[in-house]
N, C-alpha and C. Protein backbone atom coordinates (compact mmCIF):
# COMPACT_ATOMS: atom_id res chain seq x y z
N MET A 1 0.50 -1.26 -0.20
CA MET A 1 0.46 -0.34 0.00
C MET A 1 0.84 1.76 0.03
N SER A 2 0.84 2.28 -1.11
CA SER A 2 1.31 3.34 -1.51
C SER A 2 1.09 4.30 -1.02
N GLU A 3 -0.30 4.80 -0.78
CA GLU A 3 -0.70 5.29 -0.59
C GLU A 3 -2.40 5.08 0.57
N LEU A 4 -2.75 6.11 1.44
CA LEU A 4 -4.18 5.52 1.86
C LEU A 4 -5.40 5.32 0.92
N PRO A 5 -6.42 4.47 1.22
CA PRO A 5 -7.25 4.19 0.56
C PRO A 5 -8.37 5.55 0.75
N ALA A 6 -9.20 5.06 -0.18
CA ALA A 6 -10.16 6.51 0.35
C ALA A 6 -11.55 5.57 1.28
N GLU A 7 -11.19 4.56 1.18
CA GLU A 7 -12.27 3.74 2.25
C GLU A 7 -11.76 3.34 3.66
N LEU A 8 -11.21 3.77 3.56
CA LEU A 8 -10.06 4.57 5.21
C LEU A 8 -11.10 5.27 6.19
N PHE A 9 -11.26 6.50 5.32
CA PHE A 9 -12.05 7.71 5.75
C PHE A 9 -13.37 7.37 6.11
N GLN A 10 -13.77 6.84 7.58
CA GLN A 10 -14.98 6.70 7.83
C GLN A 10 -15.15 6.12 9.63
N HIS A 11 -16.62 5.73 9.98
CA HIS A 11 -16.36 5.66 11.66
C HIS A 11 -15.90 3.56 11.34
N TRP A 12 -14.78 3.56 12.17
CA TRP A 12 -14.84 1.66 12.35
C TRP A 12 -15.43 1.60 13.65
N VAL A 13 -15.64 0.38 13.82
CA VAL A 13 -15.78 -0.57 14.99
C VAL A 13 -15.35 -1.50 15.26
N HIS A 14 -14.82 -2.24 16.75
CA HIS A 14 -14.15 -3.28 16.85
C HIS A 14 -14.84 -3.73 16.85
N SER A 15 -14.21 -4.84 16.22
CA SER A 15 -14.49 -6.44 15.69
C SER A 15 -13.86 -7.57 16.41
N TYR A 16 -13.60 -7.52 17.57
CA TYR A 16 -13.37 -8.39 18.33
C TYR A 16 -13.20 -9.86 18.16
N GLU A 17 -13.97 -10.16 17.66
CA GLU A 17 -14.78 -11.64 17.67
C GLU A 17 -13.55 -12.13 16.60
N ASP A 18 -13.26 -10.87 15.00
CA ASP A 18 -12.33 -11.39 14.20
C ASP A 18 -10.86 -11.29 14.85
N ASP A 19 -10.52 -10.22 15.22
CA ASP A 19 -8.68 -10.63 15.54
C ASP A 19 -7.81 -11.93 15.88
N ARG A 20 -6.61 -11.73 15.52
CA ARG A 20 -5.85 -12.79 15.53
C ARG A 20 -4.70 -12.06 15.95
N GLU A 21 -3.53 -12.80 16.36
CA GLU A 21 -2.65 -12.70 16.74
C GLU A 21 -1.94 -11.35 16.31
N GLY A 22 -1.70 -10.90 17.16
CA GLY A 22 -1.46 -8.97 16.61
C GLY A 22 -2.08 -8.00 16.02
N VAL A 23 -2.81 -8.64 15.21
CA VAL A 23 -4.21 -8.12 14.40
C VAL A 23 -5.33 -7.62 14.87
N THR A 24 -5.59 -5.97 14.53
CA THR A 24 -7.00 -5.74 15.20
C THR A 24 -7.67 -5.61 14.22
N VAL A 25 -9.33 -6.16 13.89
CA VAL A 25 -10.07 -6.19 13.44
C VAL A 25 -11.32 -5.05 13.31
N TYR A 26 -11.25 -3.96 12.62
CA TYR A 26 -12.74 -2.88 12.57
C TYR A 26 -13.45 -3.27 11.41
N ARG A 27 -14.56 -3.13 11.79
CA ARG A 27 -15.89 -2.61 10.54
C ARG A 27 -16.41 -1.56 10.91
N PRO A 28 -17.03 -1.43 9.42
CA PRO A 28 -17.75 -0.30 9.11
C PRO A 28 -18.61 0.25 10.49
N ALA A 29 -19.63 1.12 10.94
CA ALA A 29 -20.26 1.37 11.99
C ALA A 29 -21.84 0.97 11.96
N GLY A 30 -22.09 0.56 10.52
CA GLY A 30 -23.21 -0.05 10.46
C GLY A 30 -23.64 -1.37 10.31
N TYR A 31 -22.58 -1.94 9.85
CA TYR A 31 -21.88 -3.68 10.13
C TYR A 31 -23.14 -3.94 11.38
N PRO A 32 -23.72 -5.30 11.15
CA PRO A 32 -25.26 -5.72 12.47
C PRO A 32 -23.59 -6.94 13.13
N PHE A 33 -23.36 -6.11 13.92
CA PHE A 33 -22.29 -6.62 14.58
C PHE A 33 -23.52 -7.88 16.21
N PRO A 34 -22.95 -9.11 16.65
CA PRO A 34 -23.87 -9.48 17.50
C PRO A 34 -23.51 -9.06 18.69
N PRO A 35 -24.51 -9.01 20.19
CA PRO A 35 -24.68 -8.47 20.86
C PRO A 35 -23.29 -8.24 22.05
N ALA A 36 -22.70 -7.49 22.00
CA ALA A 36 -21.74 -6.96 23.21
C ALA A 36 -22.18 -5.94 24.34
N ARG A 37 -21.04 -5.98 25.34
CA ARG A 37 -20.80 -5.13 26.75
C ARG A 37 -20.21 -3.95 25.95
N GLY A 38 -20.49 -3.13 24.78
CA GLY A 38 -19.53 -2.38 24.31
C GLY A 38 -18.28 -2.78 23.05
N ARG A 39 -18.37 -1.57 21.98
CA ARG A 39 -17.58 -1.81 21.44
C ARG A 39 -16.92 -0.81 21.20
N ARG A 40 -15.42 -0.73 21.26
CA ARG A 40 -14.42 0.61 20.98
C ARG A 40 -14.86 1.00 19.80
N GLY A 41 -14.09 2.25 19.18
CA GLY A 41 -14.09 2.35 17.50
C GLY A 41 -13.23 3.67 17.69
N MET A 42 -13.40 3.55 16.57
CA MET A 42 -12.49 4.96 15.87
C MET A 42 -12.62 6.27 14.62
N GLU A 43 -13.21 6.94 14.41
CA GLU A 43 -13.17 7.95 12.89
C GLU A 43 -12.01 8.25 12.47
N ILE A 44 -11.79 8.42 11.13
CA ILE A 44 -10.50 8.15 10.72
C ILE A 44 -11.00 9.45 9.82
N SER A 45 -10.83 10.93 9.45
CA SER A 45 -11.28 11.80 8.10
C SER A 45 -10.09 12.04 7.57
N PRO A 46 -10.19 12.32 6.44
CA PRO A 46 -9.43 12.82 5.36
C PRO A 46 -8.58 14.16 5.61
N ASP A 47 -9.16 14.76 6.41
CA ASP A 47 -8.76 16.46 6.52
C ASP A 47 -7.75 15.93 8.11
N GLY A 48 -7.24 14.69 8.39
CA GLY A 48 -6.72 14.94 9.41
C GLY A 48 -7.10 15.23 10.88
N THR A 49 -8.44 14.47 11.02
CA THR A 49 -9.12 14.63 12.23
C THR A 49 -9.36 12.92 12.25
N PHE A 50 -9.05 12.83 13.99
CA PHE A 50 -9.00 11.17 14.70
C PHE A 50 -9.70 11.65 15.55
N THR A 51 -11.02 10.65 15.86
CA THR A 51 -11.74 10.54 17.00
C THR A 51 -11.75 9.01 17.68
N ASP A 52 -11.61 8.99 18.86
CA ASP A 52 -11.23 7.26 19.06
C ASP A 52 -12.46 7.53 20.37
N HIS A 53 -13.08 6.39 19.41
CA HIS A 53 -14.17 5.71 20.66
C HIS A 53 -14.05 4.88 21.96
N PRO A 54 -13.24 5.18 23.03
CA PRO A 54 -13.08 4.29 23.84
C PRO A 54 -14.89 3.64 24.50
N ILE A 55 -14.92 2.84 25.20
CA ILE A 55 -16.06 2.10 26.01
C ILE A 55 -15.78 3.45 27.25
N GLY A 56 -17.07 3.60 27.15
CA GLY A 56 -17.53 4.37 28.40
C GLY A 56 -18.41 3.70 29.32
N SER A 57 -18.99 5.38 30.69
CA SER A 57 -19.60 4.14 31.70
C SER A 57 -20.60 3.57 30.78
N ARG A 58 -21.23 2.62 31.39
CA ARG A 58 -22.33 1.84 30.84
C ARG A 58 -22.29 1.06 29.71
N ASP A 59 -20.84 0.95 29.44
CA ASP A 59 -20.90 0.55 27.89
C ASP A 59 -21.24 1.14 26.68
N VAL A 60 -20.85 2.84 26.45
CA VAL A 60 -21.27 3.54 25.85
C VAL A 60 -20.10 4.33 25.27
N PRO A 61 -20.03 3.91 24.08
CA PRO A 61 -18.68 4.73 23.85
C PRO A 61 -18.53 6.20 24.07
N GLY A 62 -17.32 6.56 24.35
CA GLY A 62 -17.30 8.08 25.01
C GLY A 62 -16.54 8.58 23.17
N SER A 63 -15.67 9.68 23.89
CA SER A 63 -15.86 10.56 22.33
C SER A 63 -14.07 11.33 23.01
N VAL A 64 -12.90 10.89 22.21
CA VAL A 64 -12.05 11.74 22.80
C VAL A 64 -11.16 12.31 21.48
N ALA A 65 -11.06 13.46 21.25
CA ALA A 65 -10.63 14.08 19.52
C ALA A 65 -8.88 13.62 19.78
N GLY A 66 -8.62 13.39 18.67
CA GLY A 66 -7.12 13.41 18.42
C GLY A 66 -6.96 13.85 16.65
N ARG A 67 -5.32 13.60 16.46
CA ARG A 67 -5.17 13.75 14.76
C ARG A 67 -4.15 12.70 14.75
N TRP A 68 -4.50 12.35 12.83
CA TRP A 68 -3.82 11.45 12.85
C TRP A 68 -2.82 12.53 11.47
N GLU A 69 -1.75 11.49 11.23
CA GLU A 69 -0.52 11.50 9.80
C GLU A 69 -0.56 10.93 9.49
N ALA A 70 -0.37 10.45 8.26
CA ALA A 70 0.06 9.31 7.64
C ALA A 70 2.33 9.40 7.66
N ALA A 71 1.99 7.99 7.78
CA ALA A 71 3.78 8.26 7.89
C ALA A 71 4.65 8.01 6.64
N THR A 72 6.07 7.96 7.02
CA THR A 72 6.73 8.60 6.00
C THR A 72 6.16 6.43 4.80
N ASP A 73 6.64 5.57 5.63
CA ASP A 73 6.35 4.65 4.55
C ASP A 73 4.93 4.58 4.41
N GLY A 74 3.18 4.75 3.92
CA GLY A 74 2.85 5.41 3.29
C GLY A 74 1.54 4.04 4.07
N ARG A 75 1.60 3.88 4.64
CA ARG A 75 0.47 2.25 5.19
C ARG A 75 0.70 2.47 6.50
N SER A 76 0.82 3.57 7.53
CA SER A 76 1.00 3.96 8.60
C SER A 76 0.28 4.87 9.09
N LEU A 77 -0.40 5.16 10.35
CA LEU A 77 -0.80 6.12 10.66
C LEU A 77 -0.26 6.60 12.29
N THR A 78 0.72 7.70 12.25
CA THR A 78 0.74 7.70 13.82
C THR A 78 -0.48 8.89 14.37
N VAL A 79 -1.38 8.69 15.31
CA VAL A 79 -1.83 9.23 16.08
C VAL A 79 -1.61 9.93 17.57
N THR A 80 -2.07 10.96 17.30
CA THR A 80 -1.68 11.98 18.47
C THR A 80 -3.51 12.67 19.42
N PHE A 81 -2.75 12.68 20.58
CA PHE A 81 -4.47 13.28 20.96
C PHE A 81 -3.67 14.82 22.23
N PRO A 82 -3.00 15.68 21.43
CA PRO A 82 -2.78 17.26 21.68
C PRO A 82 -4.22 17.74 22.94
N GLY A 83 -3.11 17.92 23.88
CA GLY A 83 -4.26 18.50 25.24
C GLY A 83 -5.29 17.66 25.90
N THR A 84 -4.44 16.44 25.58
CA THR A 84 -4.87 15.26 27.00
C THR A 84 -3.60 14.27 26.93
N SER A 85 -4.13 13.92 28.07
CA SER A 85 -3.06 12.30 28.84
C SER A 85 -2.56 11.07 27.77
N ARG A 86 -3.96 11.53 27.58
CA ARG A 86 -3.84 10.30 26.57
C ARG A 86 -2.83 9.83 25.35
N PRO A 87 -2.04 8.44 25.65
CA PRO A 87 -0.78 8.63 24.45
C PRO A 87 -0.90 8.55 23.04
N GLY A 88 -0.34 8.86 22.24
CA GLY A 88 -0.55 8.06 20.43
C GLY A 88 -0.33 7.14 20.60
N ARG A 89 -0.46 6.53 19.04
CA ARG A 89 -0.01 5.58 18.70
C ARG A 89 0.33 5.19 17.43
N ARG A 90 0.54 4.33 17.15
CA ARG A 90 0.76 4.00 15.99
C ARG A 90 -0.11 2.82 15.49
N LEU A 91 -0.96 3.29 13.89
CA LEU A 91 -1.52 2.32 13.47
C LEU A 91 -0.88 1.74 11.98
N GLU A 92 -0.81 0.39 12.13
CA GLU A 92 -0.40 -0.18 10.75
C GLU A 92 -1.22 -0.64 9.74
N ILE A 93 -1.23 0.11 8.60
CA ILE A 93 -3.26 -0.62 7.75
C ILE A 93 -2.68 -1.90 7.13
N LEU A 94 -3.26 -3.09 7.80
CA LEU A 94 -2.66 -4.50 6.70
C LEU A 94 -3.45 -4.75 5.62
N HIS A 95 -5.08 -4.08 6.33
CA HIS A 95 -6.04 -4.67 5.00
C HIS A 95 -6.78 -3.42 5.24
N CYS A 96 -7.55 -2.35 4.03
CA CYS A 96 -8.70 -1.81 4.02
C CYS A 96 -8.89 -2.27 2.35
N ASP A 97 -10.46 -1.93 3.06
CA ASP A 97 -11.56 -2.40 1.64
C ASP A 97 -12.96 -1.91 1.76
N GLY A 98 -13.33 -1.06 2.98
CA GLY A 98 -14.20 -0.65 2.76
C GLY A 98 -14.91 -1.22 3.78
N ALA A 99 -14.99 -2.60 3.55
CA ALA A 99 -15.95 -3.30 4.89
C ALA A 99 -14.80 -3.61 5.42
N LEU A 100 -13.73 -3.74 5.97
CA LEU A 100 -12.99 -4.78 6.73
C LEU A 100 -11.51 -3.56 6.85
N LEU A 101 -11.35 -3.40 8.31
CA LEU A 101 -10.18 -3.05 8.19
C LEU A 101 -9.25 -3.95 9.38
N LYS A 102 -7.79 -3.88 8.58
CA LYS A 102 -7.29 -5.13 9.86
C LYS A 102 -5.90 -3.96 10.08
N VAL A 103 -5.97 -3.98 11.29
CA VAL A 103 -4.59 -3.07 11.78
C VAL A 103 -3.54 -3.70 12.91
N ARG A 104 -2.11 -3.47 12.66
CA ARG A 104 -1.58 -3.96 14.01
C ARG A 104 -1.17 -2.73 14.79
N ALA A 105 -1.35 -2.08 15.66
CA ALA A 105 -0.98 -1.25 16.97
C ALA A 105 0.30 -1.97 17.68
C-alpha cells in the first residue's frame, strides 16, 4: 500500500471476534455486530481529524478528539491526542477495503 485508501475515511468499530495474533479488526459502524457489552471504535477523516471512541460508562462509547498523520512508509498512521494525557499510537494498516479494516497497533 503506497497511499492511504479512500475507504479508510469512515467510522470504524472494533470487531474483536475477528482479531488474530497481533491484528486488530474493525468493521464500519453500520455493520450488524452480534450483541456485546460495548465496542470501542474510531473515526478517521481525510482532513487529519481522528476521533477515538473508547468504551465509556454503561458500555456507551466515549469520544476523544485527536489528529492523525500519514507515516513516510505510506501504510501507517501516527495518531496523537493534543491537549490530553492520552498516549498517541501508531496504526499499521494491513488491509482496508471499506468493509473490513485490519491494523497492527
